Amino acid sequence: MSDKNESFERPAQKVEVLLSESPQIRSITDEKGFYLLGNVPVGKHSISIKYTVQVNEKVEERLKKDTVKIERAQAIVNKNVTLTAED
């Protein structure tokens, strides 16, 4: 039996991930939803995840926000992005 409110997460494949502030560092997720951002400065950073969804017959671009905290110089962010039906 399935709950109608149940959300299923799926990897966000081939979506753009970027540091929202300067320096602008970008990446594209792989087939498992992982992305890699290199040389991210120390500090707390806002990350934007840009993806498209099809609504009826129209394709819409959407933006999801995330935050990462970098504690050492020139760190590499390697993280997994998932989307749910609500995203």
Protein backbone atom coordinates (compact mmCIF):
# COMPACT_ATOMS: atom_id res chain seq x y z
CA MET A 1 0.00 0.00 0.00
CA SER A 2 1.36 3.39 -0.94
CA ASP A 3 0.92 6.71 0.83
CA LYS A 4 -0.09 9.41 -1.69
CA ASN A 5 2.01 11.99 0.19
CA GLU A 6 5.13 9.85 0.01
CA SER A 7 8.05 11.59 -1.74
CA PHE A 8 10.58 9.70 -3.78
CA GLU A 9 14.04 11.19 -4.12
CA ARG A 10 15.94 10.74 -7.33
CA PRO A 11 19.44 11.86 -8.32
CA ALA A 12 19.49 15.23 -10.06
CA GLN A 13 21.31 14.26 -13.25
CA LYS A 14 23.06 16.81 -15.47
CA VAL A 15 21.89 19.91 -13.61
CA GLU A 16 23.99 23.03 -13.13
CA VAL A 17 25.38 23.75 -9.66
CA LEU A 18 27.04 27.06 -8.94
CA LEU A 19 28.40 29.12 -6.10
CA SER A 20 25.95 32.00 -5.81
CA GLU A 21 28.59 34.59 -4.92
CA SER A 22 32.04 35.46 -6.21
CA PRO A 23 34.14 33.67 -7.25
CA GLN A 24 31.54 32.07 -9.47
CA ILE A 25 32.43 28.37 -9.57
CA ARG A 26 30.23 26.03 -11.62
CA SER A 27 29.75 22.32 -12.10
CA ILE A 28 27.32 19.83 -13.67
CA THR A 29 26.02 16.82 -11.72
CA ASP A 30 26.80 13.31 -12.93
CA GLU A 31 24.34 10.43 -13.41
CA LYS A 32 24.26 9.84 -9.63
CA GLY A 33 23.63 13.50 -8.82
CA PHE A 34 27.16 14.24 -7.56
CA TYR A 35 28.98 17.45 -8.35
CA LEU A 36 32.47 18.73 -7.67
CA LEU A 37 33.38 22.35 -6.94
CA GLY A 38 37.10 23.04 -6.64
CA ASN A 39 38.98 25.87 -4.93
CA VAL A 40 36.03 27.06 -2.87
CA PRO A 41 37.14 29.82 -0.45
CA VAL A 42 36.80 29.40 3.32
CA GLY A 43 33.40 30.44 4.68
CA LYS A 44 29.70 29.74 4.39
CA HIS A 45 28.46 29.72 0.80
CA SER A 46 25.10 29.63 -0.89
CA ILE A 47 24.86 27.17 -3.75
CA SER A 48 22.25 27.36 -6.50
CA ILE A 49 21.05 24.26 -8.31
CA LYS A 50 19.45 25.05 -11.68
CA TYR A 51 17.27 22.40 -13.29
CA THR A 52 14.30 22.09 -15.64
CA VAL A 53 10.97 20.32 -15.21
CA GLN A 54 8.18 19.66 -17.64
CA VAL A 55 4.82 21.03 -16.51
CA ASN A 56 2.06 19.96 -18.89
CA GLU A 57 3.63 20.77 -22.27
CA LYS A 58 5.86 23.58 -21.00
CA VAL A 59 9.47 23.28 -19.80
CA GLU A 60 10.20 25.43 -16.75
CA GLU A 61 13.57 26.32 -15.25
CA ARG A 62 13.71 26.06 -11.46
CA LEU A 63 16.22 26.97 -8.80
CA LYS A 64 16.95 25.11 -5.57
CA LYS A 65 19.22 26.57 -2.87
CA ASP A 66 21.69 24.80 -0.62
CA THR A 67 24.40 25.97 1.78
CA VAL A 68 27.90 24.63 2.40
CA LYS A 69 30.40 25.62 5.08
CA ILE A 70 34.06 25.47 4.07
CA GLU A 71 36.54 25.35 6.93
CA ARG A 72 39.87 25.05 5.14
CA ALA A 73 41.40 26.92 2.21
CA GLN A 74 40.68 25.86 -1.35
CA ALA A 75 38.42 22.99 -0.38
CA ILE A 76 36.62 20.79 -2.86
CA VAL A 77 32.89 20.32 -2.41
CA ASN A 78 31.74 16.86 -3.48
CA LYS A 79 28.08 16.47 -2.74
CA ASN A 80 25.01 14.60 -3.94
CA VAL A 81 21.91 16.46 -5.20
CA THR A 82 18.50 14.83 -5.15
CA LEU A 83 15.13 16.13 -6.25
CA THR A 84 11.71 15.10 -5.01
CA ALA A 85 8.32 15.35 -6.66
CA GLU A 86 7.75 18.62 -4.76
CA ASP A 87 10.90 20.30 -6.21
